[in-house]
C-alpha atoms as a PDB file:
ATOM      1  CA  UNK A   1     -20.539  -0.708 -18.354  1.00  0.00           C
ATOM      2  CA  UNK A   2     -17.345   1.171 -18.098  1.00  0.00           C
ATOM      3  CA  UNK A   3     -14.290   0.721 -20.163  1.00  0.00           C
ATOM      4  CA  UNK A   4     -11.603   2.828 -21.876  1.00  0.00           C
ATOM      5  CA  UNK A   5     -12.122   5.339 -24.730  1.00  0.00           C
ATOM      6  CA  UNK A   6      -9.545   5.492 -27.942  1.00  0.00           C
ATOM      7  CA  UNK A   7      -6.963   6.937 -26.839  1.00  0.00           C
ATOM      8  CA  UNK A   8      -7.497   7.320 -23.215  1.00  0.00           C
ATOM      9  CA  UNK A   9     -10.281   8.428 -20.956  1.00  0.00           C
ATOM     10  CA  UNK A  10     -13.058   6.013 -19.064  1.00  0.00           C
ATOM     11  CA  UNK A  11     -16.388   5.982 -20.202  1.00  0.00           C
ATOM     12  CA  UNK A  12     -19.247   4.230 -21.102  1.00  0.00           C
ATOM     13  CA  UNK A  13     -20.167   1.679 -24.138  1.00  0.00           C
ATOM     14  CA  UNK A  14     -22.410  -1.172 -25.790  1.00  0.00           C
ATOM     15  CA  UNK A  15     -21.860  -3.565 -22.622  1.00  0.00           C
ATOM     16  CA  UNK A  16     -18.908  -5.355 -23.525  1.00  0.00           C
ATOM     17  CA  UNK A  17     -17.464  -6.456 -20.002  1.00  0.00           C
ATOM     18  CA  UNK A  18     -13.505  -5.438 -20.149  1.00  0.00           C
ATOM     19  CA  UNK A  19     -11.338  -8.365 -19.115  1.00  0.00           C
ATOM     20  CA  UNK A  20      -9.604  -7.927 -15.426  1.00  0.00           C
ATOM     21  CA  UNK A  21      -5.539  -8.592 -15.858  1.00  0.00           C
ATOM     22  CA  UNK A  22      -5.159 -12.213 -14.228  1.00  0.00           C
ATOM     23  CA  UNK A  23      -3.146 -10.537 -11.388  1.00  0.00           C
ATOM     24  CA  UNK A  24      -3.527 -11.020  -7.776  1.00  0.00           C
ATOM     25  CA  UNK A  25      -5.128  -8.156  -6.706  1.00  0.00           C
ATOM     26  CA  UNK A  26      -3.078  -7.756  -3.540  1.00  0.00           C
ATOM     27  CA  UNK A  27       0.398  -8.203  -4.762  1.00  0.00           C
ATOM     28  CA  UNK A  28       2.825  -6.607  -2.722  1.00  0.00           C
ATOM     29  CA  UNK A  29       0.222  -5.170  -0.469  1.00  0.00           C
ATOM     30  CA  UNK A  30       0.742  -6.820   2.869  1.00  0.00           C
ATOM     31  CA  UNK A  31      -2.259  -6.777   5.744  1.00  0.00           C
ATOM     32  CA  UNK A  32      -0.828  -4.310   8.056  1.00  0.00           C
ATOM     33  CA  UNK A  33      -2.445  -5.625  11.366  1.00  0.00           C
ATOM     34  CA  UNK A  34      -5.973  -7.185  12.370  1.00  0.00           C
ATOM     35  CA  UNK A  35      -8.589  -5.347  11.273  1.00  0.00           C
ATOM     36  CA  UNK A  36     -10.608  -4.593  14.946  1.00  0.00           C
ATOM     37  CA  UNK A  37      -6.970  -2.958  15.650  1.00  0.00           C
ATOM     38  CA  UNK A  38      -6.331   1.052  16.357  1.00  0.00           C
ATOM     39  CA  UNK A  39      -6.070   3.069  13.354  1.00  0.00           C
ATOM     40  CA  UNK A  40      -2.739   3.779  14.269  1.00  0.00           C
ATOM     41  CA  UNK A  41      -1.837   0.429  14.595  1.00  0.00           C
ATOM     42  CA  UNK A  42      -3.785  -0.910  11.314  1.00  0.00           C
ATOM     43  CA  UNK A  43      -2.731   2.000   8.983  1.00  0.00           C
ATOM     44  CA  UNK A  44       0.784   2.973  10.651  1.00  0.00           C
ATOM     45  CA  UNK A  45       3.722   2.962   8.240  1.00  0.00           C
ATOM     46  CA  UNK A  46       7.459   3.455   8.325  1.00  0.00           C
ATOM     47  CA  UNK A  47       9.343   5.345   5.779  1.00  0.00           C
ATOM     48  CA  UNK A  48       9.159   4.568   2.074  1.00  0.00           C
ATOM     49  CA  UNK A  49       5.922   2.924   2.775  1.00  0.00           C
ATOM     50  CA  UNK A  50       2.240   3.793   1.970  1.00  0.00           C
ATOM     51  CA  UNK A  51      -1.206   2.569   3.294  1.00  0.00           C
ATOM     52  CA  UNK A  52      -4.013   1.268   1.828  1.00  0.00           C
ATOM     53  CA  UNK A  53      -7.120   0.668   2.584  1.00  0.00           C
ATOM     54  CA  UNK A  54      -9.744  -1.980   1.142  1.00  0.00           C
ATOM     55  CA  UNK A  55     -13.613  -2.016   1.275  1.00  0.00           C
ATOM     56  CA  UNK A  56     -14.211  -5.309   2.455  1.00  0.00           C
ATOM     57  CA  UNK A  57     -17.008  -7.625   0.092  1.00  0.00           C
ATOM     58  CA  UNK A  58     -20.421  -6.637   0.397  1.00  0.00           C
ATOM     59  CA  UNK A  59     -19.387  -3.416   2.711  1.00  0.00           C
ATOM     60  CA  UNK A  60     -19.578   0.103   1.649  1.00  0.00           C
ATOM     61  CA  UNK A  61     -18.284   3.142   2.785  1.00  0.00           C
ATOM     62  CA  UNK A  62     -18.848   6.831   2.849  1.00  0.00           C
ATOM     63  CA  UNK A  63     -16.396   9.474   1.961  1.00  0.00           C
ATOM     64  CA  UNK A  64     -16.671  12.803   3.696  1.00  0.00           C
ATOM     65  CA  UNK A  65     -15.345  16.203   2.631  1.00  0.00           C
ATOM     66  CA  UNK A  66     -13.561  16.620   5.971  1.00  0.00           C
ATOM     67  CA  UNK A  67     -13.526  14.477   8.887  1.00  0.00           C
ATOM     68  CA  UNK A  68     -17.352  14.085  10.710  1.00  0.00           C
ATOM     69  CA  UNK A  69     -18.306  16.037   7.070  1.00  0.00           C
ATOM     70  CA  UNK A  70     -20.982  15.976   4.889  1.00  0.00           C
ATOM     71  CA  UNK A  71     -21.105  13.036   2.557  1.00  0.00           C
ATOM     72  CA  UNK A  72     -19.850  13.593  -1.109  1.00  0.00           C
ATOM     73  CA  UNK A  73     -20.417   9.736  -2.461  1.00  0.00           C
ATOM     74  CA  UNK A  74     -20.829   6.296  -1.424  1.00  0.00           C
ATOM     75  CA  UNK A  75     -18.450   3.511  -2.746  1.00  0.00           C
ATOM     76  CA  UNK A  76     -18.986  -0.157  -2.741  1.00  0.00           C
ATOM     77  CA  UNK A  77     -16.068  -2.808  -2.417  1.00  0.00           C
ATOM     78  CA  UNK A  78     -15.867  -2.951  -6.259  1.00  0.00           C
ATOM     79  CA  UNK A  79     -14.886  -0.698  -9.499  1.00  0.00           C
ATOM     80  CA  UNK A  80     -16.455   0.187 -11.861  1.00  0.00           C
ATOM     81  CA  UNK A  81     -14.237  -2.384 -13.575  1.00  0.00           C
ATOM     82  CA  UNK A  82     -15.285  -5.166 -11.103  1.00  0.00           C
ATOM     83  CA  UNK A  83     -11.939  -5.045  -9.110  1.00  0.00           C
ATOM     84  CA  UNK A  84     -11.692  -5.400  -5.366  1.00  0.00           C
ATOM     85  CA  UNK A  85     -12.129  -1.728  -4.012  1.00  0.00           C
ATOM     86  CA  UNK A  86      -8.238  -0.751  -2.612  1.00  0.00           C
ATOM     87  CA  UNK A  87      -7.661   2.855  -1.716  1.00  0.00           C
ATOM     88  CA  UNK A  88      -4.832   4.907  -0.847  1.00  0.00           C
ATOM     89  CA  UNK A  89      -4.333   6.709   2.562  1.00  0.00           C
ATOM     90  CA  UNK A  90      -2.582  10.246   1.513  1.00  0.00           C
ATOM     91  CA  UNK A  91      -3.475  11.566   5.435  1.00  0.00           C
ATOM     92  CA  UNK A  92      -5.079  11.632   8.191  1.00  0.00           C
ATOM     93  CA  UNK A  93      -6.431  13.355  11.261  1.00  0.00           C
ATOM     94  CA  UNK A  94      -7.274  11.301  14.348  1.00  0.00           C
ATOM     95  CA  UNK A  95      -9.126   8.267  13.449  1.00  0.00           C
ATOM     96  CA  UNK A  96     -10.097   9.435  10.448  1.00  0.00           C
ATOM     97  CA  UNK A  97      -7.939   8.545   6.849  1.00  0.00           C
ATOM     98  CA  UNK A  98      -7.940  10.637   4.129  1.00  0.00           C
ATOM     99  CA  UNK A  99      -8.408   8.677   0.726  1.00  0.00           C
ATOM    100  CA  UNK A 100      -7.563   8.886  -3.024  1.00  0.00           C
ATOM    101  CA  UNK A 101     -11.050   7.914  -4.852  1.00  0.00           C
ATOM    102  CA  UNK A 102     -11.318   7.994  -8.574  1.00  0.00           C
ATOM    103  CA  UNK A 103     -15.152   9.032  -7.235  1.00  0.00           C
ATOM    104  CA  UNK A 104     -13.679  12.374  -6.366  1.00  0.00           C
ATOM    105  CA  UNK A 105     -12.248  15.742  -8.458  1.00  0.00           C
ATOM    106  CA  UNK A 106      -8.453  15.502  -8.956  1.00  0.00           C
ATOM    107  CA  UNK A 107      -6.690  16.549  -5.745  1.00  0.00           C
ATOM    108  CA  UNK A 108      -9.466  16.318  -3.344  1.00  0.00           C
ATOM    109  CA  UNK A 109      -9.602  13.318  -0.357  1.00  0.00           C
ATOM    110  CA  UNK A 110     -12.693  11.749   0.648  1.00  0.00           C
ATOM    111  CA  UNK A 111     -12.446  11.154   4.285  1.00  0.00           C
ATOM    112  CA  UNK A 112     -13.683   7.916   6.571  1.00  0.00           C
ATOM    113  CA  UNK A 113     -12.826   6.573   9.723  1.00  0.00           C
ATOM    114  CA  UNK A 114     -10.464   4.146  10.022  1.00  0.00           C
ATOM    115  CA  UNK A 115     -12.022   2.425  12.929  1.00  0.00           C
ATOM    116  CA  UNK A 116     -14.374   1.519  10.478  1.00  0.00           C
ATOM    117  CA  UNK A 117     -15.131  -2.380  10.064  1.00  0.00           C
ATOM    118  CA  UNK A 118     -15.885  -2.389   6.403  1.00  0.00           C
ATOM    119  CA  UNK A 119     -12.082  -1.433   5.920  1.00  0.00           C
ATOM    120  CA  UNK A 120      -8.940  -3.861   6.044  1.00  0.00           C
ATOM    121  CA  UNK A 121      -5.704  -2.174   6.519  1.00  0.00           C
ATOM    122  CA  UNK A 122      -2.555  -2.999   3.520  1.00  0.00           C
ATOM    123  CA  UNK A 123       0.821  -1.793   3.422  1.00  0.00           C
ATOM    124  CA  UNK A 124       3.036  -1.271   0.564  1.00  0.00           C
ATOM    125  CA  UNK A 125       6.313  -0.381  -0.142  1.00  0.00           C
ATOM    126  CA  UNK A 126       5.246   0.167  -3.871  1.00  0.00           C
ATOM    127  CA  UNK A 127       5.285   3.337  -5.495  1.00  0.00           C
ATOM    128  CA  UNK A 128       5.637   5.339  -9.026  1.00  0.00           C
ATOM    129  CA  UNK A 129       6.900   8.297  -9.895  1.00  0.00           C
ATOM    130  CA  UNK A 130       6.026   9.946 -13.542  1.00  0.00           C
ATOM    131  CA  UNK A 131       8.237  13.002 -14.128  1.00  0.00           C
ATOM    132  CA  UNK A 132       6.677  14.649 -17.093  1.00  0.00           C
ATOM    133  CA  UNK A 133       9.475  16.796 -17.955  1.00  0.00           C
ATOM    134  CA  UNK A 134      11.651  13.743 -18.419  1.00  0.00           C
ATOM    135  CA  UNK A 135       9.087  11.505 -19.762  1.00  0.00           C
ATOM    136  CA  UNK A 136       9.853   8.845 -17.473  1.00  0.00           C
ATOM    137  CA  UNK A 137       8.159   6.725 -15.202  1.00  0.00           C
ATOM    138  CA  UNK A 138      10.108   5.166 -11.889  1.00  0.00           C
ATOM    139  CA  UNK A 139       9.197   1.910  -9.810  1.00  0.00           C
ATOM    140  CA  UNK A 140      10.460   2.007  -6.571  1.00  0.00           C
ATOM    141  CA  UNK A 141      10.234   0.188  -4.095  1.00  0.00           C
ATOM    142  CA  UNK A 142      10.577   2.302  -0.494  1.00  0.00           C
ATOM    143  CA  UNK A 143      13.282   4.426  -1.747  1.00  0.00           C
ATOM    144  CA  UNK A 144      14.637   2.482  -3.827  1.00  0.00           C
ATOM    145  CA  UNK A 145      14.196   2.821  -7.663  1.00  0.00           C
ATOM    146  CA  UNK A 146      13.525  -0.878  -9.035  1.00  0.00           C
ATOM    147  CA  UNK A 147      13.036   0.583 -12.655  1.00  0.00           C
ATOM    148  CA  UNK A 148      13.008   3.495 -14.831  1.00  0.00           C
ATOM    149  CA  UNK A 149      11.345   3.661 -18.647  1.00  0.00           C
ATOM    150  CA  UNK A 150      10.219   6.200 -20.841  1.00  0.00           C
ATOM    151  CA  UNK A 151       6.404   6.908 -21.673  1.00  0.00           C
ATOM    152  CA  UNK A 152       4.656   8.916 -23.600  1.00  0.00           C
ATOM    153  CA  UNK A 153       2.697  11.697 -21.941  1.00  0.00           C
ATOM    154  CA  UNK A 154      -0.602  14.503 -22.670  1.00  0.00           C
ATOM    155  CA  UNK A 155       0.567  16.343 -26.043  1.00  0.00           C
ATOM    156  CA  UNK A 156       0.084  20.329 -25.933  1.00  0.00           C
ATOM    157  CA  UNK A 157      -3.761  21.067 -25.202  1.00  0.00           C
ATOM    158  CA  UNK A 158      -4.689  17.843 -23.317  1.00  0.00           C
ATOM    159  CA  UNK A 159      -1.705  17.489 -20.868  1.00  0.00           C
ATOM    160  CA  UNK A 160      -1.010  14.942 -18.289  1.00  0.00           C
ATOM    161  CA  UNK A 161      -2.574  16.383 -15.160  1.00  0.00           C
ATOM    162  CA  UNK A 162      -0.474  16.373 -12.242  1.00  0.00           C
ATOM    163  CA  UNK A 163      -0.742  15.231  -8.361  1.00  0.00           C
ATOM    164  CA  UNK A 164      -1.135  12.632  -6.597  1.00  0.00           C
ATOM    165  CA  UNK A 165      -3.483   9.152  -7.584  1.00  0.00           C
ATOM    166  CA  UNK A 166      -3.315   5.633  -7.069  1.00  0.00           C
ATOM    167  CA  UNK A 167      -3.906   2.792  -9.081  1.00  0.00           C
ATOM    168  CA  UNK A 168      -7.467   1.335  -8.797  1.00  0.00           C
ATOM    169  CA  UNK A 169      -7.731  -1.450 -11.672  1.00  0.00           C
ATOM    170  CA  UNK A 170      -5.473  -3.924 -13.964  1.00  0.00           C
ATOM    171  CA  UNK A 171      -6.913  -4.393 -17.335  1.00  0.00           C
ATOM    172  CA  UNK A 172      -5.883  -6.182 -19.993  1.00  0.00           C
ATOM    173  CA  UNK A 173      -5.227  -4.465 -23.165  1.00  0.00           C
ATOM    174  CA  UNK A 174      -6.582  -7.142 -25.350  1.00  0.00           C
ATOM    175  CA  UNK A 175     -10.632  -6.154 -24.464  1.00  0.00           C
ATOM    176  CA  UNK A 176      -9.411  -3.095 -26.399  1.00  0.00           C
ATOM    177  CA  UNK A 177      -8.109  -4.274 -29.921  1.00  0.00           C
ATOM    178  CA  UNK A 178      -4.758  -3.694 -29.044  1.00  0.00           C
ATOM    179  CA  UNK A 179      -4.262   0.319 -28.923  1.00  0.00           C
ATOM    180  CA  UNK A 180      -3.243   0.224 -25.206  1.00  0.00           C
ATOM    181  CA  UNK A 181      -0.801  -2.647 -25.902  1.00  0.00           C
ATOM    182  CA  UNK A 182      -0.922  -5.593 -23.501  1.00  0.00           C
ATOM    183  CA  UNK A 183      -2.108  -3.898 -20.427  1.00  0.00           C
ATOM    184  CA  UNK A 184      -4.069  -0.874 -18.368  1.00  0.00           C
ATOM    185  CA  UNK A 185      -3.195   0.360 -15.003  1.00  0.00           C
ATOM    186  CA  UNK A 186      -5.977   2.254 -14.660  1.00  0.00           C
ATOM    187  CA  UNK A 187      -5.845   5.629 -12.420  1.00  0.00           C
ATOM    188  CA  UNK A 188      -7.580   7.384 -10.255  1.00  0.00           C
ATOM    189  CA  UNK A 189      -7.011  10.488 -11.563  1.00  0.00           C
ATOM    190  CA  UNK A 190      -9.234  12.595 -14.170  1.00  0.00           C
ATOM    191  CA  UNK A 191      -8.480  14.403 -17.694  1.00  0.00           C
ATOM    192  CA  UNK A 192      -9.947  17.813 -17.011  1.00  0.00           C
ATOM    193  CA  UNK A 193      -8.665  19.104 -20.717  1.00  0.00           C
ATOM    194  CA  UNK A 194     -10.403  16.504 -23.488  1.00  0.00           C
ATOM    195  CA  UNK A 195     -10.999  17.393 -27.389  1.00  0.00           C
ATOM    196  CA  UNK A 196     -14.197  18.921 -28.509  1.00  0.00           C
ATOM    197  CA  UNK A 197     -16.796  16.115 -28.544  1.00  0.00           C
ATOM    198  CA  UNK A 198     -14.876  13.045 -26.846  1.00  0.00           C
ATOM    199  CA  UNK A 199     -16.768  10.001 -26.545  1.00  0.00           C
ATOM    200  CA  UNK A 200     -15.264   9.050 -23.710  1.00  0.00           C
ATOM    201  CA  UNK A 201     -14.520   9.504 -19.974  1.00  0.00           C
ATOM    202  CA  UNK A 202     -11.853  11.577 -18.621  1.00  0.00           C
ATOM    203  CA  UNK A 203     -10.244   8.662 -16.611  1.00  0.00           C
ATOM    204  CA  UNK A 204      -6.453   8.329 -16.279  1.00  0.00           C
ATOM    205  CA  UNK A 205      -4.135   5.960 -16.925  1.00  0.00           C
ATOM    206  CA  UNK A 206      -0.633   4.575 -17.944  1.00  0.00           C
ATOM    207  CA  UNK A 207      -0.616   1.514 -20.509  1.00  0.00           C
ATOM    208  CA  UNK A 208       0.861   0.139 -23.642  1.00  0.00           C
ATOM    209  CA  UNK A 209       0.904   0.994 -26.898  1.00  0.00           C
ATOM    210  CA  UNK A 210       1.003   0.066 -30.568  1.00  0.00           C
ATOM    211  CA  UNK A 211       2.333   3.365 -31.668  1.00  0.00           C
ATOM    212  CA  UNK A 212       5.835   2.868 -30.511  1.00  0.00           C
ATOM    213  CA  UNK A 213       6.349   5.676 -32.056  1.00  0.00           C
ATOM    214  CA  UNK A 214       4.954   7.491 -29.082  1.00  0.00           C
ATOM    215  CA  UNK A 215       6.499   6.681 -26.103  1.00  0.00           C
ATOM    216  CA  UNK A 216       9.181   9.753 -25.427  1.00  0.00           C
ATOM    217  CA  UNK A 217       7.133  11.938 -27.491  1.00  0.00           C
ATOM    218  CA  UNK A 218       4.148  14.406 -26.296  1.00  0.00           C
ATOM    219  CA  UNK A 219       1.455  12.469 -28.311  1.00  0.00           C
ATOM    220  CA  UNK A 220      -1.487  11.366 -25.920  1.00  0.00           C
ATOM    221  CA  UNK A 221      -4.352  13.105 -24.753  1.00  0.00           C
ATOM    222  CA  UNK A 222      -3.216  12.749 -21.254  1.00  0.00           C
ATOM    223  CA  UNK A 223      -2.782   9.550 -20.657  1.00  0.00           C
ATOM    224  CA  UNK A 224       0.755   8.175 -19.948  1.00  0.00           C
ATOM    225  CA  UNK A 225       1.965   5.091 -22.667  1.00  0.00           C
ATOM    226  CA  UNK A 226       5.060   2.850 -22.157  1.00  0.00           C
ATOM    227  CA  UNK A 227       6.355  -0.255 -23.604  1.00  0.00           C
ATOM    228  CA  UNK A 228       4.503  -3.923 -23.033  1.00  0.00           C
ATOM    229  CA  UNK A 229       7.540  -4.940 -21.710  1.00  0.00           C
ATOM    230  CA  UNK A 230       7.283  -2.282 -18.911  1.00  0.00           C
ATOM    231  CA  UNK A 231       3.919  -2.538 -18.779  1.00  0.00           C
ATOM    232  CA  UNK A 232       3.817  -6.430 -17.480  1.00  0.00           C
ATOM    233  CA  UNK A 233       6.607  -5.640 -15.032  1.00  0.00           C
ATOM    234  CA  UNK A 234       3.888  -3.655 -13.533  1.00  0.00           C
ATOM    235  CA  UNK A 235       0.995  -5.741 -13.697  1.00  0.00           C
ATOM    236  CA  UNK A 236       3.182  -8.357 -12.012  1.00  0.00           C
ATOM    237  CA  UNK A 237       4.514  -5.861  -9.019  1.00  0.00           C
ATOM    238  CA  UNK A 238       1.943  -3.144  -8.485  1.00  0.00           C
ATOM    239  CA  UNK A 239      -0.419  -3.948  -6.050  1.00  0.00           C
ATOM    240  CA  UNK A 240      -3.642  -1.803  -6.368  1.00  0.00           C
ATOM    241  CA  UNK A 241      -4.334   0.913  -4.138  1.00  0.00           C
ATOM    242  CA  UNK A 242      -0.329   1.875  -4.455  1.00  0.00           C
ATOM    243  CA  UNK A 243      -0.026   5.620  -5.168  1.00  0.00           C
ATOM    244  CA  UNK A 244       1.221   7.380  -8.320  1.00  0.00           C
ATOM    245  CA  UNK A 245       3.075  10.773  -8.130  1.00  0.00           C
ATOM    246  CA  UNK A 246       3.135  12.784 -11.339  1.00  0.00           C
ATOM    247  CA  UNK A 247       5.108  15.806 -11.244  1.00  0.00           C
ATOM    248  CA  UNK A 248       6.075  18.246 -14.413  1.00  0.00           C
END
C-alpha cells in the first residue's frame, strides 16, 4: 500500500490506507468532446489550456516507448493511492498521445493511441509553475497568475527535480500525523537523489508542513512545502492531471 514516508517520497508501509482528500477528481477539468470523436477534436486545446486523458473505469492502457513502439508499462484506471487515473498530455504525433505518468522515469513519456476507447478526453486551463531560484509556486488559469506563494525546496545534496510533471493524487495530510500539514498533491515525478538508507519511496509531492520555518528555505529532501492555506486552495482549484512545471 503506497504512502508518503517522513520527509518526502512514496513507498510501502504496514497497510494503513492513505485517505484521499474529499475533493472532486476532475474539478475545473472539462470533458473536451465525445469519447468516440477523432483525436484532433477530443484532445484539442487552445492557447493556455492543457489536454488530460482519463483511463475509463475498469480499463487499462499500455504505455509505449514511442508511437507504435514496445510496451513499457500497463496501467489501470486507479493510481496506487486509489484516485481515478488522469494523465497529462504533453505531446502528440498523429493519433498518438505522449502522456506524463508516475510509472515512468522523469522526462520520459508513455505513448498511447488517442483513438483508444479506454480513454476519455478532458481539458483544463489550470497549471502550476515552480521557480526554485525564487522558491515560489504560481497557480495559473490560462496565462493569468491567480495565486503566488512561497515554498520550501530541496536542500543541498537533495535538489528538487526540474521538468514537466503532473498532479496524480490529492491526499489528506491527516493520514501522516501532521508531518505534511493539511494536504498533499502527489506528483508524477521522482526524486533521484535520496539519503542513504531512505525508508520510503521516491515520489515527488507539493504538500503542507508543520515546520513553517522551512517555507521559503532549502530544507526538504526534494519535495515542495507550502502553507496549509495555500495547499487547501490548490486542492479546491487544481484538477488531477493538471501539469506542473518546475524550473531552476
